[in-house]
Amino acid sequence: MWADNAYLRGWIVANQGGNIAGWKIEPNTLSNLSMKLVANTNTSYIGVGTDTYANPGIWIGTSSAGSRLSVGGAS
């Protein structure tokens, strides 16, 4: 779709995923090169520089262990 000076309302559904301005869009995930937002039933998190708890970077979210926060660099 292409528009110039358009006003649009409604929903955009991307069941197959896609990309907008460098952000990858998947059904439960929004990510770019170093950041990831995951919204799943069992594990939801925001990761900066990591997508795993207790790895270098920032990770905040929930898992089977409960709510967790990890901030750290390489050991």
N, C-alpha and C. Protein backbone atom coordinates (compact mmCIF):
# COMPACT_ATOMS: atom_id res chain seq x y z
N MET A 1 0.85 -1.16 0.00
CA MET A 1 0.00 0.00 0.00
C MET A 1 0.90 1.23 0.00
N TRP A 2 0.50 2.24 -0.72
CA TRP A 2 1.22 3.50 -0.77
C TRP A 2 0.20 4.62 -0.65
N ALA A 3 0.54 5.65 0.14
CA ALA A 3 -0.38 6.78 0.31
C ALA A 3 0.43 8.04 0.55
N ASP A 4 -0.14 9.17 0.18
CA ASP A 4 0.49 10.46 0.41
C ASP A 4 -0.52 11.32 1.16
N ASN A 5 -0.11 11.86 2.33
CA ASN A 5 -1.00 12.67 3.16
C ASN A 5 -2.29 11.93 3.49
N ALA A 6 -2.15 10.69 3.96
CA ALA A 6 -3.32 9.85 4.25
C ALA A 6 -3.55 9.77 5.75
N TYR A 7 -4.79 9.63 6.12
CA TYR A 7 -5.19 9.36 7.50
C TYR A 7 -5.82 7.97 7.50
N LEU A 8 -5.20 7.05 8.25
CA LEU A 8 -5.68 5.67 8.26
C LEU A 8 -6.04 5.28 9.69
N ARG A 9 -7.09 4.50 9.81
CA ARG A 9 -7.50 3.96 11.11
C ARG A 9 -7.71 2.47 10.97
N GLY A 10 -7.54 1.78 12.08
CA GLY A 10 -7.81 0.35 12.06
C GLY A 10 -6.63 -0.45 12.55
N TRP A 11 -6.52 -1.66 12.06
CA TRP A 11 -5.51 -2.60 12.51
C TRP A 11 -4.63 -3.02 11.35
N ILE A 12 -3.39 -3.30 11.67
CA ILE A 12 -2.50 -3.96 10.72
C ILE A 12 -2.16 -5.31 11.33
N VAL A 13 -2.47 -6.36 10.63
CA VAL A 13 -2.21 -7.70 11.13
C VAL A 13 -1.09 -8.31 10.29
N ALA A 14 -0.02 -8.72 10.96
CA ALA A 14 1.13 -9.30 10.26
C ALA A 14 1.35 -10.72 10.77
N ASN A 15 0.49 -11.64 10.38
CA ASN A 15 0.60 -13.02 10.84
C ASN A 15 1.89 -13.69 10.39
N GLN A 16 2.42 -13.29 9.27
CA GLN A 16 3.64 -13.88 8.74
C GLN A 16 4.88 -13.09 9.14
N GLY A 17 4.71 -11.99 9.86
CA GLY A 17 5.85 -11.16 10.25
C GLY A 17 6.17 -10.13 9.19
N GLY A 18 7.24 -9.40 9.41
CA GLY A 18 7.65 -8.36 8.47
C GLY A 18 8.67 -7.45 9.12
N ASN A 19 8.99 -6.35 8.47
CA ASN A 19 9.96 -5.39 8.99
C ASN A 19 9.44 -3.98 8.81
N ILE A 20 9.65 -3.15 9.82
CA ILE A 20 9.33 -1.73 9.75
C ILE A 20 10.49 -0.98 10.37
N ALA A 21 11.15 -0.13 9.59
CA ALA A 21 12.25 0.73 10.06
C ALA A 21 13.31 -0.05 10.83
N GLY A 22 13.67 -1.22 10.35
CA GLY A 22 14.71 -2.01 10.98
C GLY A 22 14.24 -2.90 12.11
N TRP A 23 12.97 -2.84 12.45
CA TRP A 23 12.40 -3.69 13.49
C TRP A 23 11.73 -4.90 12.85
N LYS A 24 12.09 -6.09 13.30
CA LYS A 24 11.49 -7.33 12.81
C LYS A 24 10.23 -7.60 13.62
N ILE A 25 9.13 -7.87 12.94
CA ILE A 25 7.85 -8.11 13.59
C ILE A 25 7.46 -9.56 13.39
N GLU A 26 7.27 -10.27 14.48
CA GLU A 26 6.80 -11.65 14.45
C GLU A 26 5.58 -11.74 15.35
N PRO A 27 4.82 -12.83 15.31
CA PRO A 27 3.58 -12.89 16.09
C PRO A 27 3.71 -12.51 17.57
N ASN A 28 4.78 -12.90 18.26
CA ASN A 28 4.94 -12.59 19.69
C ASN A 28 6.21 -11.81 19.99
N THR A 29 6.90 -11.33 18.95
CA THR A 29 8.22 -10.72 19.15
C THR A 29 8.39 -9.48 18.28
N LEU A 30 9.01 -8.47 18.88
CA LEU A 30 9.43 -7.27 18.17
C LEU A 30 10.92 -7.12 18.46
N SER A 31 11.76 -7.07 17.42
CA SER A 31 13.20 -7.04 17.67
C SER A 31 13.95 -6.23 16.61
N ASN A 32 15.14 -5.76 17.01
CA ASN A 32 16.07 -5.15 16.07
C ASN A 32 17.43 -5.77 16.34
N LEU A 33 18.52 -5.13 15.95
CA LEU A 33 19.83 -5.75 16.10
C LEU A 33 20.21 -6.08 17.54
N SER A 34 19.87 -5.21 18.49
CA SER A 34 20.33 -5.44 19.86
C SER A 34 19.22 -5.43 20.91
N MET A 35 17.98 -5.33 20.51
CA MET A 35 16.87 -5.27 21.45
C MET A 35 15.78 -6.23 21.05
N LYS A 36 15.13 -6.83 22.06
CA LYS A 36 14.06 -7.77 21.77
C LYS A 36 12.96 -7.63 22.82
N LEU A 37 11.72 -7.57 22.35
CA LEU A 37 10.54 -7.57 23.22
C LEU A 37 9.75 -8.82 22.87
N VAL A 38 9.61 -9.71 23.85
CA VAL A 38 8.92 -10.98 23.63
C VAL A 38 7.71 -11.04 24.55
N ALA A 39 6.55 -11.34 24.00
CA ALA A 39 5.31 -11.44 24.78
C ALA A 39 4.71 -12.82 24.56
N ASN A 40 5.14 -13.78 25.35
CA ASN A 40 4.63 -15.15 25.30
C ASN A 40 3.87 -15.46 26.57
N THR A 41 3.14 -16.53 26.56
CA THR A 41 2.38 -16.94 27.75
C THR A 41 3.30 -17.30 28.90
N ASN A 42 4.34 -18.09 28.66
CA ASN A 42 5.20 -18.58 29.75
C ASN A 42 6.42 -17.71 30.01
N THR A 43 6.95 -17.07 28.99
CA THR A 43 8.15 -16.24 29.14
C THR A 43 7.98 -14.96 28.35
N SER A 44 7.88 -13.84 29.05
CA SER A 44 7.81 -12.53 28.41
C SER A 44 8.96 -11.70 28.94
N TYR A 45 9.66 -10.99 28.04
CA TYR A 45 10.81 -10.22 28.50
C TYR A 45 11.18 -9.12 27.53
N ILE A 46 12.01 -8.21 28.05
CA ILE A 46 12.70 -7.21 27.25
C ILE A 46 14.18 -7.51 27.41
N GLY A 47 14.86 -7.66 26.31
CA GLY A 47 16.29 -7.93 26.35
C GLY A 47 17.05 -6.88 25.56
N VAL A 48 18.11 -6.34 26.14
CA VAL A 48 18.98 -5.38 25.46
C VAL A 48 20.37 -6.01 25.44
N GLY A 49 20.82 -6.39 24.26
CA GLY A 49 22.11 -7.03 24.14
C GLY A 49 22.11 -8.51 24.48
N THR A 50 20.97 -9.04 24.87
CA THR A 50 20.86 -10.46 25.20
C THR A 50 19.42 -10.91 25.08
N ASP A 51 19.23 -12.19 24.85
CA ASP A 51 17.87 -12.73 24.92
C ASP A 51 17.80 -13.88 25.92
N THR A 52 18.81 -13.91 26.82
CA THR A 52 18.88 -14.95 27.84
C THR A 52 19.18 -14.33 29.20
N TYR A 53 18.45 -14.74 30.23
CA TYR A 53 18.67 -14.27 31.59
C TYR A 53 20.10 -14.60 32.03
N ALA A 54 20.73 -13.69 32.73
CA ALA A 54 22.06 -13.83 33.34
C ALA A 54 23.21 -13.82 32.33
N ASN A 55 22.96 -13.41 31.10
CA ASN A 55 24.03 -13.20 30.12
C ASN A 55 24.38 -11.72 30.08
N PRO A 56 25.53 -11.35 29.51
CA PRO A 56 25.87 -9.93 29.41
C PRO A 56 24.77 -9.14 28.69
N GLY A 57 24.37 -8.02 29.27
CA GLY A 57 23.30 -7.18 28.73
C GLY A 57 22.26 -6.92 29.81
N ILE A 58 21.09 -6.50 29.38
CA ILE A 58 19.98 -6.23 30.30
C ILE A 58 18.83 -7.15 29.92
N TRP A 59 18.29 -7.84 30.90
CA TRP A 59 17.16 -8.74 30.68
C TRP A 59 16.18 -8.52 31.83
N ILE A 60 14.93 -8.23 31.50
CA ILE A 60 13.89 -8.07 32.52
C ILE A 60 12.65 -8.78 32.01
N GLY A 61 12.09 -9.65 32.85
CA GLY A 61 10.91 -10.37 32.40
C GLY A 61 10.46 -11.43 33.38
N THR A 62 9.65 -12.34 32.85
CA THR A 62 9.12 -13.44 33.63
C THR A 62 9.49 -14.75 32.97
N SER A 63 9.65 -15.77 33.80
CA SER A 63 9.93 -17.11 33.31
C SER A 63 9.32 -18.10 34.30
N SER A 64 9.62 -19.38 34.14
CA SER A 64 9.10 -20.38 35.07
C SER A 64 9.62 -20.13 36.49
N ALA A 65 10.73 -19.38 36.62
CA ALA A 65 11.30 -19.05 37.93
C ALA A 65 10.68 -17.79 38.53
N GLY A 66 9.76 -17.14 37.83
CA GLY A 66 9.12 -15.92 38.33
C GLY A 66 9.67 -14.69 37.64
N SER A 67 9.42 -13.52 38.24
CA SER A 67 9.91 -12.26 37.69
C SER A 67 11.39 -12.11 37.97
N ARG A 68 12.15 -11.67 36.95
CA ARG A 68 13.60 -11.61 37.11
C ARG A 68 14.17 -10.38 36.42
N LEU A 69 15.32 -9.93 36.91
CA LEU A 69 16.07 -8.81 36.32
C LEU A 69 17.54 -9.20 36.33
N SER A 70 18.19 -9.00 35.19
CA SER A 70 19.62 -9.27 35.08
C SER A 70 20.27 -8.11 34.35
N VAL A 71 21.28 -7.51 34.98
CA VAL A 71 22.04 -6.42 34.38
C VAL A 71 23.50 -6.75 34.58
N GLY A 72 24.26 -6.87 33.51
CA GLY A 72 25.65 -7.21 33.70
C GLY A 72 26.44 -7.23 32.41
N GLY A 73 27.73 -7.29 32.59
CA GLY A 73 28.65 -7.36 31.46
C GLY A 73 29.33 -8.70 31.42
N ALA A 74 30.25 -8.83 30.51
CA ALA A 74 31.01 -10.08 30.38
C ALA A 74 31.83 -10.31 31.65
N SER A 75 31.89 -11.56 32.11
CA SER A 75 32.66 -11.85 33.31
C SER A 75 34.10 -12.13 32.99
